[in-house]
Amino acid sequence: MYIKNWKEELSKDEVYLCFSFPLFKFLEENQVFPIAKDIHKTTKKVFTVFIKNERLQELLKQWTDNRPNKK
């Protein structure tokens, strides 16, 4: 479910901004889906927006503990 005006409806504390495509794919594979997609004003990079919740926090910890190392 996408929320068109998420910036007005949700506070910064309620959302997680994801700039990593591999992380985005990992979250989707684990049935956590974004509520929006946007483009950063300064960097022009695409990012996805997730509502913070317990499941997201668990997956972010799992990602941090097990993510592939950058070389």
C-alpha atoms as a PDB file:
ATOM      1  CA  MET A   1       0.000   0.000   0.000  1.00  0.00           C
ATOM      2  CA  TYR A   2       1.551   3.261  -1.112  1.00  0.00           C
ATOM      3  CA  ILE A   3       0.873   6.494   0.785  1.00  0.00           C
ATOM      4  CA  LYS A   4       1.065   9.415  -1.623  1.00  0.00           C
ATOM      5  CA  ASN A   5       1.676  12.214   0.893  1.00  0.00           C
ATOM      6  CA  TRP A   6       3.629  10.258   3.494  1.00  0.00           C
ATOM      7  CA  LYS A   7       5.712  13.331   4.375  1.00  0.00           C
ATOM      8  CA  GLU A   8       2.621  15.135   5.686  1.00  0.00           C
ATOM      9  CA  GLU A   9       0.961  12.102   7.288  1.00  0.00           C
ATOM     10  CA  LEU A  10       3.913  10.545   9.129  1.00  0.00           C
ATOM     11  CA  SER A  11       6.683  11.911  11.310  1.00  0.00           C
ATOM     12  CA  LYS A  12      10.358  11.172  10.694  1.00  0.00           C
ATOM     13  CA  ASP A  13      10.320   8.934  13.769  1.00  0.00           C
ATOM     14  CA  GLU A  14       7.652   6.715  12.201  1.00  0.00           C
ATOM     15  CA  VAL A  15       9.498   5.936   8.964  1.00  0.00           C
ATOM     16  CA  TYR A  16      12.702   4.304   7.794  1.00  0.00           C
ATOM     17  CA  LEU A  17      14.277   5.623   4.587  1.00  0.00           C
ATOM     18  CA  CYS A  18      16.093   2.934   2.646  1.00  0.00           C
ATOM     19  CA  PHE A  19      18.707   3.991   0.090  1.00  0.00           C
ATOM     20  CA  SER A  20      20.119   0.491  -0.442  1.00  0.00           C
ATOM     21  CA  PHE A  21      18.688  -1.622  -3.252  1.00  0.00           C
ATOM     22  CA  PRO A  22      20.033  -4.899  -1.804  1.00  0.00           C
ATOM     23  CA  LEU A  23      18.451  -4.049   1.562  1.00  0.00           C
ATOM     24  CA  PHE A  24      15.188  -3.116  -0.155  1.00  0.00           C
ATOM     25  CA  LYS A  25      15.147  -6.514  -1.916  1.00  0.00           C
ATOM     26  CA  PHE A  26      15.945  -8.298   1.364  1.00  0.00           C
ATOM     27  CA  LEU A  27      13.029  -6.575   3.100  1.00  0.00           C
ATOM     28  CA  GLU A  28      10.632  -7.405   0.272  1.00  0.00           C
ATOM     29  CA  GLU A  29      11.780 -11.038   0.256  1.00  0.00           C
ATOM     30  CA  ASN A  30      10.841 -11.091   3.936  1.00  0.00           C
ATOM     31  CA  GLN A  31       7.378  -9.680   3.267  1.00  0.00           C
ATOM     32  CA  VAL A  32       8.048  -6.123   4.450  1.00  0.00           C
ATOM     33  CA  PHE A  33       6.931  -3.687   1.782  1.00  0.00           C
ATOM     34  CA  PRO A  34       7.511   0.051   1.320  1.00  0.00           C
ATOM     35  CA  ILE A  35       4.753   2.619   1.634  1.00  0.00           C
ATOM     36  CA  ALA A  36       6.396   5.009  -0.832  1.00  0.00           C
ATOM     37  CA  LYS A  37       9.236   5.590  -3.238  1.00  0.00           C
ATOM     38  CA  ASP A  38      10.807   9.021  -3.637  1.00  0.00           C
ATOM     39  CA  ILE A  39      13.831  10.893  -4.962  1.00  0.00           C
ATOM     40  CA  HIS A  40      16.174  12.691  -2.576  1.00  0.00           C
ATOM     41  CA  LYS A  41      16.161  16.427  -3.281  1.00  0.00           C
ATOM     42  CA  THR A  42      19.932  16.882  -3.047  1.00  0.00           C
ATOM     43  CA  THR A  43      21.454  13.601  -4.199  1.00  0.00           C
ATOM     44  CA  LYS A  44      18.702  12.677  -6.690  1.00  0.00           C
ATOM     45  CA  LYS A  45      18.973   9.068  -5.462  1.00  0.00           C
ATOM     46  CA  VAL A  46      15.858   6.938  -5.324  1.00  0.00           C
ATOM     47  CA  PHE A  47      14.854   5.675  -1.895  1.00  0.00           C
ATOM     48  CA  THR A  48      12.013   3.662  -0.452  1.00  0.00           C
ATOM     49  CA  VAL A  49      10.041   4.461   2.673  1.00  0.00           C
ATOM     50  CA  PHE A  50       9.030   1.871   5.261  1.00  0.00           C
ATOM     51  CA  ILE A  51       6.892   2.271   8.356  1.00  0.00           C
ATOM     52  CA  LYS A  52       8.944   1.458  11.440  1.00  0.00           C
ATOM     53  CA  ASN A  53       7.702  -1.527  13.391  1.00  0.00           C
ATOM     54  CA  GLU A  54       9.055  -4.477  15.307  1.00  0.00           C
ATOM     55  CA  ARG A  55       9.338  -6.728  12.237  1.00  0.00           C
ATOM     56  CA  LEU A  56      11.317  -4.093  10.322  1.00  0.00           C
ATOM     57  CA  GLN A  57      13.651  -3.585  13.286  1.00  0.00           C
ATOM     58  CA  GLU A  58      14.270  -7.345  13.522  1.00  0.00           C
ATOM     59  CA  LEU A  59      15.088  -7.569   9.817  1.00  0.00           C
ATOM     60  CA  LEU A  60      17.381  -4.540   9.941  1.00  0.00           C
ATOM     61  CA  LYS A  61      19.302  -6.156  12.776  1.00  0.00           C
ATOM     62  CA  GLN A  62      19.469  -9.421  10.840  1.00  0.00           C
ATOM     63  CA  TRP A  63      20.700  -7.518   7.758  1.00  0.00           C
ATOM     64  CA  THR A  64      23.364  -5.709   9.768  1.00  0.00           C
ATOM     65  CA  ASP A  65      24.572  -8.930  11.363  1.00  0.00           C
ATOM     66  CA  ASN A  66      24.701 -10.906   8.118  1.00  0.00           C
ATOM     67  CA  ARG A  67      25.017  -8.533   5.192  1.00  0.00           C
ATOM     68  CA  PRO A  68      27.633  -9.216   2.543  1.00  0.00           C
ATOM     69  CA  ASN A  69      30.813  -7.240   3.113  1.00  0.00           C
ATOM     70  CA  LYS A  70      31.687  -4.538   0.642  1.00  0.00           C
ATOM     71  CA  LYS A  71      35.136  -4.975  -0.857  1.00  0.00           C
END
